[in-house]
Amino acid sequence: MSMVYWQGGQPGYAMVAVPDVRPCSSGHVITAWIVTAVTLLYTLPWAIAATRGKANLDTIVLVNVLLGWTIVGWWIALVMSVLDHKVRLVPASQTPYGYPPRY
């Protein structure tokens, strides 16, 4: 994803578009994929969301576990896990060294 810079009304006030990504630990991702293999792909949306660092990981896991037994609930969780990350504007001064964070 390319970073977009936006110059605000004030001189020197730049906004940076940053994807809302929350990386998971490698242990969490490995656990998610092992559980997915053991449950014969039932928890696939959780594994995908953990791997992609989705900000709404908790919601995806809840939908998957509570409603995944209905085919519709599983598909909803899967779609939520593969949708694009949301983008938010952050002042450039709040990013490390004035540069956008690398994801």
Protein backbone atom coordinates (compact mmCIF):
# COMPACT_ATOMS: atom_id res chain seq x y z
CA MET A 1 0.00 0.00 0.00
CA SER A 2 1.46 3.36 -0.92
CA MET A 3 1.49 6.09 1.68
CA VAL A 4 -0.45 9.21 0.83
CA TYR A 5 0.62 12.56 2.17
CA TRP A 6 -1.85 15.36 2.70
CA GLN A 7 -0.86 18.94 3.41
CA GLY A 8 -3.31 20.57 5.82
CA GLY A 9 -4.29 24.21 5.97
CA GLN A 10 -1.32 25.15 8.13
CA PRO A 11 2.22 25.17 6.77
CA GLY A 12 4.24 22.18 7.96
CA TYR A 13 1.16 20.21 9.00
CA ALA A 14 1.25 17.00 7.01
CA MET A 15 -1.02 14.00 7.45
CA VAL A 16 0.04 10.48 6.54
CA ALA A 17 -2.36 7.69 5.53
CA VAL A 18 -1.50 4.67 7.68
CA PRO A 19 -3.13 1.23 7.39
CA ASP A 20 -4.77 0.01 10.58
CA VAL A 21 -2.57 -3.08 10.98
CA ARG A 22 -1.85 -4.72 14.31
CA PRO A 23 0.77 -7.39 13.84
CA CYS A 24 0.37 -10.56 15.93
CA SER A 25 3.21 -12.43 17.51
CA SER A 26 4.58 -15.31 15.52
CA GLY A 27 3.44 -17.70 18.26
CA HIS A 28 -0.15 -16.52 17.85
CA VAL A 29 -0.02 -16.96 14.09
CA ILE A 30 1.53 -20.45 14.35
CA THR A 31 -1.08 -21.46 16.94
CA ALA A 32 -3.86 -20.21 14.69
CA TRP A 33 -2.63 -22.28 11.74
CA ILE A 34 -2.12 -25.41 13.86
CA VAL A 35 -5.66 -25.13 15.27
CA THR A 36 -6.93 -24.56 11.73
CA ALA A 37 -5.27 -27.78 10.54
CA VAL A 38 -6.58 -29.75 13.53
CA THR A 39 -10.15 -28.46 13.13
CA LEU A 40 -10.15 -29.18 9.40
CA LEU A 41 -10.29 -25.51 8.30
CA TYR A 42 -13.08 -24.50 10.73
CA THR A 43 -10.90 -21.71 12.16
CA LEU A 44 -9.48 -20.63 8.80
CA PRO A 45 -10.84 -17.04 9.14
CA TRP A 46 -9.00 -16.69 12.45
CA ALA A 47 -5.72 -17.90 10.94
CA ILE A 48 -6.01 -15.55 7.97
CA ALA A 49 -6.88 -12.57 10.18
CA ALA A 50 -3.98 -13.29 12.54
CA THR A 51 -1.55 -13.64 9.64
CA ARG A 52 -2.73 -10.38 8.04
CA GLY A 53 -2.73 -8.46 11.36
CA LYS A 54 -6.37 -7.41 11.19
CA ALA A 55 -7.35 -4.75 13.73
CA ASN A 56 -10.71 -6.46 14.31
CA LEU A 57 -9.17 -9.87 15.04
CA ASP A 58 -11.22 -10.34 18.21
CA THR A 59 -14.49 -9.77 16.35
CA ILE A 60 -13.50 -12.21 13.62
CA VAL A 61 -12.62 -14.88 16.19
CA LEU A 62 -15.94 -14.39 18.02
CA VAL A 63 -17.98 -14.60 14.82
CA ASN A 64 -16.02 -17.65 13.72
CA VAL A 65 -16.33 -19.53 17.01
CA LEU A 66 -19.91 -18.57 17.89
CA LEU A 67 -21.53 -18.50 14.45
CA GLY A 68 -19.10 -20.51 12.33
CA TRP A 69 -21.15 -23.69 12.75
CA THR A 70 -23.76 -22.01 10.55
CA ILE A 71 -22.29 -21.87 7.09
CA VAL A 72 -23.31 -18.20 6.78
CA GLY A 73 -21.41 -17.24 9.96
CA TRP A 74 -18.27 -18.96 8.72
CA TRP A 75 -18.45 -17.13 5.38
CA ILE A 76 -19.02 -13.78 7.13
CA ALA A 77 -15.92 -14.37 9.29
CA LEU A 78 -13.92 -15.36 6.20
CA VAL A 79 -14.96 -12.23 4.29
CA MET A 80 -14.12 -10.05 7.32
CA SER A 81 -10.65 -11.59 7.46
CA VAL A 82 -9.79 -10.96 3.81
CA LEU A 83 -11.19 -7.43 3.43
CA ASP A 84 -8.72 -4.57 2.99
CA HIS A 85 -7.30 -2.85 6.03
CA LYS A 86 -8.88 0.45 7.00
CA VAL A 87 -6.74 3.53 6.44
CA ARG A 88 -6.56 6.40 8.87
CA LEU A 89 -4.85 9.78 8.70
CA VAL A 90 -2.15 10.41 11.30
CA PRO A 91 -0.09 13.57 11.70
CA ALA A 92 3.38 13.01 10.29
CA SER A 93 4.84 14.24 13.56
CA GLN A 94 3.38 11.19 15.36
CA THR A 95 5.19 8.68 13.16
CA PRO A 96 8.75 7.66 13.99
CA TYR A 97 11.25 10.24 12.72
CA GLY A 98 8.50 11.93 10.72
CA TYR A 99 8.19 8.98 8.36
CA PRO A 100 5.22 6.64 8.05
CA PRO A 101 5.61 3.34 9.87
CA ARG A 102 6.58 0.33 7.75
CA TYR A 103 4.18 -2.61 7.72
